Amino acid sequence: LFMVIAGSIAFGAGGKDTGSDESGT
């Protein structure tokens, strides 16, 4: 459980702002 949560945080924090809204338009 700890590894899953740590992995989710590590991979989720690396996202970049692409300049699009949630719909991806």
mmCIF file of all heavy atoms, coordinates in Angstrom:
data_MODEL
# 
_entry.id   MODEL 
# 
loop_
_atom_site.group_PDB 
_atom_site.id 
_atom_site.type_symbol 
_atom_site.label_atom_id 
_atom_site.label_alt_id 
_atom_site.label_comp_id 
_atom_site.label_asym_id 
_atom_site.label_entity_id 
_atom_site.label_seq_id 
_atom_site.pdbx_PDB_ins_code 
_atom_site.Cartn_x 
_atom_site.Cartn_y 
_atom_site.Cartn_z 
_atom_site.occupancy 
_atom_site.B_iso_or_equiv 
_atom_site.pdbx_formal_charge 
_atom_site.auth_seq_id 
_atom_site.auth_comp_id 
_atom_site.auth_asym_id 
_atom_site.auth_atom_id 
_atom_site.pdbx_PDB_model_num 
ATOM 1   N N   . LEU A 1 1  ? 0.829   -1.202 0.000   1.00 0.00 ? 1  LEU A N   1 
ATOM 2   C CA  . LEU A 1 1  ? 0.000   0.000  0.000   1.00 0.00 ? 1  LEU A CA  1 
ATOM 3   C C   . LEU A 1 1  ? 0.867   1.257  0.000   1.00 0.00 ? 1  LEU A C   1 
ATOM 4   O O   . LEU A 1 1  ? 0.615   2.210  -0.743  1.00 0.00 ? 1  LEU A O   1 
ATOM 5   C CB  . LEU A 1 1  ? -0.933  0.000  1.210   1.00 0.00 ? 1  LEU A CB  1 
ATOM 6   C CG  . LEU A 1 1  ? -1.870  1.192  1.328   1.00 0.00 ? 1  LEU A CG  1 
ATOM 7   C CD1 . LEU A 1 1  ? -2.826  1.248  0.145   1.00 0.00 ? 1  LEU A CD1 1 
ATOM 8   C CD2 . LEU A 1 1  ? -2.643  1.116  2.632   1.00 0.00 ? 1  LEU A CD2 1 
ATOM 9   N N   . PHE A 1 2  ? 1.908   1.273  0.810   1.00 0.00 ? 2  PHE A N   1 
ATOM 10  C CA  . PHE A 1 2  ? 2.822   2.405  0.858   1.00 0.00 ? 2  PHE A CA  1 
ATOM 11  C C   . PHE A 1 2  ? 3.488   2.627  -0.496  1.00 0.00 ? 2  PHE A C   1 
ATOM 12  O O   . PHE A 1 2  ? 3.602   3.754  -0.966  1.00 0.00 ? 2  PHE A O   1 
ATOM 13  C CB  . PHE A 1 2  ? 3.890   2.184  1.939   1.00 0.00 ? 2  PHE A CB  1 
ATOM 14  C CG  . PHE A 1 2  ? 4.948   3.241  1.944   1.00 0.00 ? 2  PHE A CG  1 
ATOM 15  C CD1 . PHE A 1 2  ? 4.694   4.497  2.465   1.00 0.00 ? 2  PHE A CD1 1 
ATOM 16  C CD2 . PHE A 1 2  ? 6.194   2.983  1.394   1.00 0.00 ? 2  PHE A CD2 1 
ATOM 17  C CE1 . PHE A 1 2  ? 5.670   5.477  2.450   1.00 0.00 ? 2  PHE A CE1 1 
ATOM 18  C CE2 . PHE A 1 2  ? 7.173   3.953  1.379   1.00 0.00 ? 2  PHE A CE2 1 
ATOM 19  C CZ  . PHE A 1 2  ? 6.914   5.201  1.910   1.00 0.00 ? 2  PHE A CZ  1 
ATOM 20  N N   . MET A 1 3  ? 3.922   1.549  -1.139  1.00 0.00 ? 3  MET A N   1 
ATOM 21  C CA  . MET A 1 3  ? 4.582   1.673  -2.439  1.00 0.00 ? 3  MET A CA  1 
ATOM 22  C C   . MET A 1 3  ? 3.624   2.211  -3.502  1.00 0.00 ? 3  MET A C   1 
ATOM 23  O O   . MET A 1 3  ? 4.007   3.027  -4.337  1.00 0.00 ? 3  MET A O   1 
ATOM 24  C CB  . MET A 1 3  ? 5.167   0.319  -2.851  1.00 0.00 ? 3  MET A CB  1 
ATOM 25  C CG  . MET A 1 3  ? 6.363   -0.073 -1.996  1.00 0.00 ? 3  MET A CG  1 
ATOM 26  S SD  . MET A 1 3  ? 7.003   -1.733 -2.272  1.00 0.00 ? 3  MET A SD  1 
ATOM 27  C CE  . MET A 1 3  ? 7.263   -1.780 -4.011  1.00 0.00 ? 3  MET A CE  1 
ATOM 28  N N   . VAL A 1 4  ? 2.378   1.771  -3.460  1.00 0.00 ? 4  VAL A N   1 
ATOM 29  C CA  . VAL A 1 4  ? 1.386   2.252  -4.424  1.00 0.00 ? 4  VAL A CA  1 
ATOM 30  C C   . VAL A 1 4  ? 1.126   3.746  -4.223  1.00 0.00 ? 4  VAL A C   1 
ATOM 31  O O   . VAL A 1 4  ? 1.097   4.522  -5.184  1.00 0.00 ? 4  VAL A O   1 
ATOM 32  C CB  . VAL A 1 4  ? 0.075   1.433  -4.309  1.00 0.00 ? 4  VAL A CB  1 
ATOM 33  C CG1 . VAL A 1 4  ? -1.049  2.083  -5.084  1.00 0.00 ? 4  VAL A CG1 1 
ATOM 34  C CG2 . VAL A 1 4  ? 0.293   0.007  -4.783  1.00 0.00 ? 4  VAL A CG2 1 
ATOM 35  N N   . ILE A 1 5  ? 0.967   4.156  -2.987  1.00 0.00 ? 5  ILE A N   1 
ATOM 36  C CA  . ILE A 1 5  ? 0.718   5.569  -2.709  1.00 0.00 ? 5  ILE A CA  1 
ATOM 37  C C   . ILE A 1 5  ? 1.933   6.411  -3.074  1.00 0.00 ? 5  ILE A C   1 
ATOM 38  O O   . ILE A 1 5  ? 1.806   7.468  -3.695  1.00 0.00 ? 5  ILE A O   1 
ATOM 39  C CB  . ILE A 1 5  ? 0.339   5.761  -1.225  1.00 0.00 ? 5  ILE A CB  1 
ATOM 40  C CG1 . ILE A 1 5  ? -1.037  5.131  -0.956  1.00 0.00 ? 5  ILE A CG1 1 
ATOM 41  C CG2 . ILE A 1 5  ? 0.335   7.238  -0.842  1.00 0.00 ? 5  ILE A CG2 1 
ATOM 42  C CD1 . ILE A 1 5  ? -1.432  5.103  0.496   1.00 0.00 ? 5  ILE A CD1 1 
ATOM 43  N N   . ALA A 1 6  ? 3.126   5.970  -2.709  1.00 0.00 ? 6  ALA A N   1 
ATOM 44  C CA  . ALA A 1 6  ? 4.348   6.711  -3.030  1.00 0.00 ? 6  ALA A CA  1 
ATOM 45  C C   . ALA A 1 6  ? 4.539   6.815  -4.542  1.00 0.00 ? 6  ALA A C   1 
ATOM 46  O O   . ALA A 1 6  ? 4.925   7.866  -5.063  1.00 0.00 ? 6  ALA A O   1 
ATOM 47  C CB  . ALA A 1 6  ? 5.553   6.044  -2.380  1.00 0.00 ? 6  ALA A CB  1 
ATOM 48  N N   . GLY A 1 7  ? 4.256   5.739  -5.254  1.00 0.00 ? 7  GLY A N   1 
ATOM 49  C CA  . GLY A 1 7  ? 4.364   5.771  -6.711  1.00 0.00 ? 7  GLY A CA  1 
ATOM 50  C C   . GLY A 1 7  ? 3.358   6.716  -7.332  1.00 0.00 ? 7  GLY A C   1 
ATOM 51  O O   . GLY A 1 7  ? 3.663   7.437  -8.285  1.00 0.00 ? 7  GLY A O   1 
ATOM 52  N N   . SER A 1 8  ? 2.146   6.738  -6.809  1.00 0.00 ? 8  SER A N   1 
ATOM 53  C CA  . SER A 1 8  ? 1.125   7.649  -7.323  1.00 0.00 ? 8  SER A CA  1 
ATOM 54  C C   . SER A 1 8  ? 1.526   9.096  -7.124  1.00 0.00 ? 8  SER A C   1 
ATOM 55  O O   . SER A 1 8  ? 1.351   9.928  -8.008  1.00 0.00 ? 8  SER A O   1 
ATOM 56  C CB  . SER A 1 8  ? -0.208  7.403  -6.623  1.00 0.00 ? 8  SER A CB  1 
ATOM 57  O OG  . SER A 1 8  ? -0.673  6.101  -6.874  1.00 0.00 ? 8  SER A OG  1 
ATOM 58  N N   . ILE A 1 9  ? 2.075   9.395  -5.972  1.00 0.00 ? 9  ILE A N   1 
ATOM 59  C CA  . ILE A 1 9  ? 2.515   10.762 -5.696  1.00 0.00 ? 9  ILE A CA  1 
ATOM 60  C C   . ILE A 1 9  ? 3.679   11.130 -6.607  1.00 0.00 ? 9  ILE A C   1 
ATOM 61  O O   . ILE A 1 9  ? 3.719   12.214 -7.181  1.00 0.00 ? 9  ILE A O   1 
ATOM 62  C CB  . ILE A 1 9  ? 2.902   10.919 -4.214  1.00 0.00 ? 9  ILE A CB  1 
ATOM 63  C CG1 . ILE A 1 9  ? 1.644   10.807 -3.342  1.00 0.00 ? 9  ILE A CG1 1 
ATOM 64  C CG2 . ILE A 1 9  ? 3.615   12.242 -3.965  1.00 0.00 ? 9  ILE A CG2 1 
ATOM 65  C CD1 . ILE A 1 9  ? 1.929   10.732 -1.864  1.00 0.00 ? 9  ILE A CD1 1 
ATOM 66  N N   . ALA A 1 10 ? 4.644   10.236 -6.754  1.00 0.00 ? 10 ALA A N   1 
ATOM 67  C CA  . ALA A 1 10 ? 5.827   10.533 -7.560  1.00 0.00 ? 10 ALA A CA  1 
ATOM 68  C C   . ALA A 1 10 ? 5.469   10.748 -9.026  1.00 0.00 ? 10 ALA A C   1 
ATOM 69  O O   . ALA A 1 10 ? 5.953   11.673 -9.662  1.00 0.00 ? 10 ALA A O   1 
ATOM 70  C CB  . ALA A 1 10 ? 6.830   9.397  -7.426  1.00 0.00 ? 10 ALA A CB  1 
ATOM 71  N N   . PHE A 1 11 ? 4.615   9.920  -9.576  1.00 0.00 ? 11 PHE A N   1 
ATOM 72  C CA  . PHE A 1 11 ? 4.261   10.053 -10.987 1.00 0.00 ? 11 PHE A CA  1 
ATOM 73  C C   . PHE A 1 11 ? 3.248   11.165 -11.210 1.00 0.00 ? 11 PHE A C   1 
ATOM 74  O O   . PHE A 1 11 ? 3.252   11.812 -12.249 1.00 0.00 ? 11 PHE A O   1 
ATOM 75  C CB  . PHE A 1 11 ? 3.736   8.728  -11.544 1.00 0.00 ? 11 PHE A CB  1 
ATOM 76  C CG  . PHE A 1 11 ? 4.799   7.690  -11.697 1.00 0.00 ? 11 PHE A CG  1 
ATOM 77  C CD1 . PHE A 1 11 ? 4.791   6.551  -10.933 1.00 0.00 ? 11 PHE A CD1 1 
ATOM 78  C CD2 . PHE A 1 11 ? 5.832   7.873  -12.596 1.00 0.00 ? 11 PHE A CD2 1 
ATOM 79  C CE1 . PHE A 1 11 ? 5.774   5.590  -11.056 1.00 0.00 ? 11 PHE A CE1 1 
ATOM 80  C CE2 . PHE A 1 11 ? 6.821   6.929  -12.735 1.00 0.00 ? 11 PHE A CE2 1 
ATOM 81  C CZ  . PHE A 1 11 ? 6.793   5.779  -11.958 1.00 0.00 ? 11 PHE A CZ  1 
ATOM 82  N N   . GLY A 1 12 ? 2.394   11.421 -10.256 1.00 0.00 ? 12 GLY A N   1 
ATOM 83  C CA  . GLY A 1 12 ? 1.387   12.469 -10.401 1.00 0.00 ? 12 GLY A CA  1 
ATOM 84  C C   . GLY A 1 12 ? 1.961   13.856 -10.271 1.00 0.00 ? 12 GLY A C   1 
ATOM 85  O O   . GLY A 1 12 ? 1.472   14.807 -10.874 1.00 0.00 ? 12 GLY A O   1 
ATOM 86  N N   . ALA A 1 13 ? 3.025   14.020 -9.513  1.00 0.00 ? 13 ALA A N   1 
ATOM 87  C CA  . ALA A 1 13 ? 3.610   15.337 -9.297  1.00 0.00 ? 13 ALA A CA  1 
ATOM 88  C C   . ALA A 1 13 ? 4.451   15.794 -10.470 1.00 0.00 ? 13 ALA A C   1 
ATOM 89  O O   . ALA A 1 13 ? 4.802   16.957 -10.567 1.00 0.00 ? 13 ALA A O   1 
ATOM 90  C CB  . ALA A 1 13 ? 4.464   15.318 -8.034  1.00 0.00 ? 13 ALA A CB  1 
ATOM 91  N N   . GLY A 1 14 ? 4.762   14.937 -11.378 1.00 0.00 ? 14 GLY A N   1 
ATOM 92  C CA  . GLY A 1 14 ? 5.625   15.287 -12.496 1.00 0.00 ? 14 GLY A CA  1 
ATOM 93  C C   . GLY A 1 14 ? 4.895   15.840 -13.692 1.00 0.00 ? 14 GLY A C   1 
ATOM 94  O O   . GLY A 1 14 ? 5.493   16.113 -14.716 1.00 0.00 ? 14 GLY A O   1 
ATOM 95  N N   . GLY A 1 15 ? 3.580   16.047 -13.590 1.00 0.00 ? 15 GLY A N   1 
ATOM 96  C CA  . GLY A 1 15 ? 2.816   16.544 -14.729 1.00 0.00 ? 15 GLY A CA  1 
ATOM 97  C C   . GLY A 1 15 ? 3.163   17.982 -15.058 1.00 0.00 ? 15 GLY A C   1 
ATOM 98  O O   . GLY A 1 15 ? 3.562   18.765 -14.222 1.00 0.00 ? 15 GLY A O   1 
ATOM 99  N N   . LYS A 1 16 ? 3.028   18.344 -16.345 1.00 0.00 ? 16 LYS A N   1 
ATOM 100 C CA  . LYS A 1 16 ? 3.325   19.689 -16.795 1.00 0.00 ? 16 LYS A CA  1 
ATOM 101 C C   . LYS A 1 16 ? 2.033   20.371 -17.214 1.00 0.00 ? 16 LYS A C   1 
ATOM 102 O O   . LYS A 1 16 ? 1.095   19.726 -17.648 1.00 0.00 ? 16 LYS A O   1 
ATOM 103 C CB  . LYS A 1 16 ? 4.274   19.653 -17.989 1.00 0.00 ? 16 LYS A CB  1 
ATOM 104 C CG  . LYS A 1 16 ? 5.643   19.134 -17.635 1.00 0.00 ? 16 LYS A CG  1 
ATOM 105 C CD  . LYS A 1 16 ? 6.533   19.157 -18.836 1.00 0.00 ? 16 LYS A CD  1 
ATOM 106 C CE  . LYS A 1 16 ? 7.915   18.628 -18.480 1.00 0.00 ? 16 LYS A CE  1 
ATOM 107 N NZ  . LYS A 1 16 ? 8.793   18.593 -19.640 1.00 0.00 ? 16 LYS A NZ  1 
ATOM 108 N N   . ASP A 1 17 ? 2.014   21.698 -17.105 1.00 0.00 ? 17 ASP A N   1 
ATOM 109 C CA  . ASP A 1 17 ? 0.874   22.483 -17.554 1.00 0.00 ? 17 ASP A CA  1 
ATOM 110 C C   . ASP A 1 17 ? 0.951   22.599 -19.069 1.00 0.00 ? 17 ASP A C   1 
ATOM 111 O O   . ASP A 1 17 ? 1.872   23.199 -19.609 1.00 0.00 ? 17 ASP A O   1 
ATOM 112 C CB  . ASP A 1 17 ? 0.902   23.863 -16.914 1.00 0.00 ? 17 ASP A CB  1 
ATOM 113 C CG  . ASP A 1 17 ? -0.314  24.690 -17.273 1.00 0.00 ? 17 ASP A CG  1 
ATOM 114 O OD1 . ASP A 1 17 ? -1.271  24.122 -17.837 1.00 0.00 ? 17 ASP A OD1 1 
ATOM 115 O OD2 . ASP A 1 17 ? -0.301  25.890 -16.989 1.00 0.00 ? 17 ASP A OD2 1 
ATOM 116 N N   . THR A 1 18 ? 0.002   22.014 -19.747 1.00 0.00 ? 18 THR A N   1 
ATOM 117 C CA  . THR A 1 18 ? 0.013   22.021 -21.206 1.00 0.00 ? 18 THR A CA  1 
ATOM 118 C C   . THR A 1 18 ? -0.737  23.201 -21.778 1.00 0.00 ? 18 THR A C   1 
ATOM 119 O O   . THR A 1 18 ? -0.792  23.375 -22.982 1.00 0.00 ? 18 THR A O   1 
ATOM 120 C CB  . THR A 1 18 ? -0.635  20.731 -21.746 1.00 0.00 ? 18 THR A CB  1 
ATOM 121 O OG1 . THR A 1 18 ? -1.988  20.670 -21.286 1.00 0.00 ? 18 THR A OG1 1 
ATOM 122 C CG2 . THR A 1 18 ? 0.130   19.509 -21.283 1.00 0.00 ? 18 THR A CG2 1 
ATOM 123 N N   . GLY A 1 19 ? -1.344  24.006 -20.914 1.00 0.00 ? 19 GLY A N   1 
ATOM 124 C CA  . GLY A 1 19 ? -2.077  25.148 -21.394 1.00 0.00 ? 19 GLY A CA  1 
ATOM 125 C C   . GLY A 1 19 ? -3.491  24.808 -21.812 1.00 0.00 ? 19 GLY A C   1 
ATOM 126 O O   . GLY A 1 19 ? -4.162  25.591 -22.456 1.00 0.00 ? 19 GLY A O   1 
ATOM 127 N N   . SER A 1 20 ? -3.955  23.643 -21.481 1.00 0.00 ? 20 SER A N   1 
ATOM 128 C CA  . SER A 1 20 ? -5.311  23.267 -21.854 1.00 0.00 ? 20 SER A CA  1 
ATOM 129 C C   . SER A 1 20 ? -6.152  23.086 -20.617 1.00 0.00 ? 20 SER A C   1 
ATOM 130 O O   . SER A 1 20 ? -5.647  22.909 -19.521 1.00 0.00 ? 20 SER A O   1 
ATOM 131 C CB  . SER A 1 20 ? -5.303  21.977 -22.664 1.00 0.00 ? 20 SER A CB  1 
ATOM 132 O OG  . SER A 1 20 ? -4.832  20.913 -21.879 1.00 0.00 ? 20 SER A OG  1 
ATOM 133 N N   . ASP A 1 21 ? -7.441  23.144 -20.807 1.00 0.00 ? 21 ASP A N   1 
ATOM 134 C CA  . ASP A 1 21 ? -8.333  22.918 -19.685 1.00 0.00 ? 21 ASP A CA  1 
ATOM 135 C C   . ASP A 1 21 ? -8.532  21.425 -19.482 1.00 0.00 ? 21 ASP A C   1 
ATOM 136 O O   . ASP A 1 21 ? -7.893  20.613 -20.131 1.00 0.00 ? 21 ASP A O   1 
ATOM 137 C CB  . ASP A 1 21 ? -9.663  23.647 -19.893 1.00 0.00 ? 21 ASP A CB  1 
ATOM 138 C CG  . ASP A 1 21 ? -10.370 23.207 -21.171 1.00 0.00 ? 21 ASP A CG  1 
ATOM 139 O OD1 . ASP A 1 21 ? -9.873  22.279 -21.836 1.00 0.00 ? 21 ASP A OD1 1 
ATOM 140 O OD2 . ASP A 1 21 ? -11.412 23.784 -21.489 1.00 0.00 ? 21 ASP A OD2 1 
ATOM 141 N N   . GLU A 1 22 ? -9.434  21.051 -18.585 1.00 0.00 ? 22 GLU A N   1 
ATOM 142 C CA  . GLU A 1 22 ? -9.639  19.647 -18.263 1.00 0.00 ? 22 GLU A CA  1 
ATOM 143 C C   . GLU A 1 22 ? -10.148 18.830 -19.443 1.00 0.00 ? 22 GLU A C   1 
ATOM 144 O O   . GLU A 1 22 ? -9.964  17.638 -19.527 1.00 0.00 ? 22 GLU A O   1 
ATOM 145 C CB  . GLU A 1 22 ? -10.627 19.506 -17.094 1.00 0.00 ? 22 GLU A CB  1 
ATOM 146 C CG  . GLU A 1 22 ? -10.059 19.930 -15.758 1.00 0.00 ? 22 GLU A CG  1 
ATOM 147 C CD  . GLU A 1 22 ? -10.058 21.446 -15.578 1.00 0.00 ? 22 GLU A CD  1 
ATOM 148 O OE1 . GLU A 1 22 ? -10.822 22.150 -16.277 1.00 0.00 ? 22 GLU A OE1 1 
ATOM 149 O OE2 . GLU A 1 22 ? -9.276  21.925 -14.742 1.00 0.00 ? 22 GLU A OE2 1 
ATOM 150 N N   . SER A 1 23 ? -10.819 19.478 -20.393 1.00 0.00 ? 23 SER A N   1 
ATOM 151 C CA  . SER A 1 23 ? -11.367 18.736 -21.530 1.00 0.00 ? 23 SER A CA  1 
ATOM 152 C C   . SER A 1 23 ? -10.294 18.406 -22.549 1.00 0.00 ? 23 SER A C   1 
ATOM 153 O O   . SER A 1 23 ? -10.522 17.627 -23.458 1.00 0.00 ? 23 SER A O   1 
ATOM 154 C CB  . SER A 1 23 ? -12.484 19.541 -22.194 1.00 0.00 ? 23 SER A CB  1 
ATOM 155 O OG  . SER A 1 23 ? -11.952 20.735 -22.751 1.00 0.00 ? 23 SER A OG  1 
ATOM 156 N N   . GLY A 1 24 ? -9.127  19.046 -22.424 1.00 0.00 ? 24 GLY A N   1 
ATOM 157 C CA  . GLY A 1 24 ? -8.037  18.757 -23.346 1.00 0.00 ? 24 GLY A CA  1 
ATOM 158 C C   . GLY A 1 24 ? -8.175  19.472 -24.670 1.00 0.00 ? 24 GLY A C   1 
ATOM 159 O O   . GLY A 1 24 ? -7.507  19.140 -25.637 1.00 0.00 ? 24 GLY A O   1 
ATOM 160 N N   . THR A 1 25 ? -9.029  20.481 -24.756 1.00 0.00 ? 25 THR A N   1 
ATOM 161 C CA  . THR A 1 25 ? -9.244  21.167 -26.021 1.00 0.00 ? 25 THR A CA  1 
ATOM 162 C C   . THR A 1 25 ? -8.158  22.180 -26.325 1.00 0.00 ? 25 THR A C   1 
ATOM 163 O O   . THR A 1 25 ? -8.054  22.660 -27.434 1.00 0.00 ? 25 THR A O   1 
ATOM 164 C CB  . THR A 1 25 ? -10.608 21.888 -26.027 1.00 0.00 ? 25 THR A CB  1 
ATOM 165 O OG1 . THR A 1 25 ? -10.609 22.848 -24.966 1.00 0.00 ? 25 THR A OG1 1 
ATOM 166 C CG2 . THR A 1 25 ? -11.737 20.914 -25.860 1.00 0.00 ? 25 THR A CG2 1 
# 
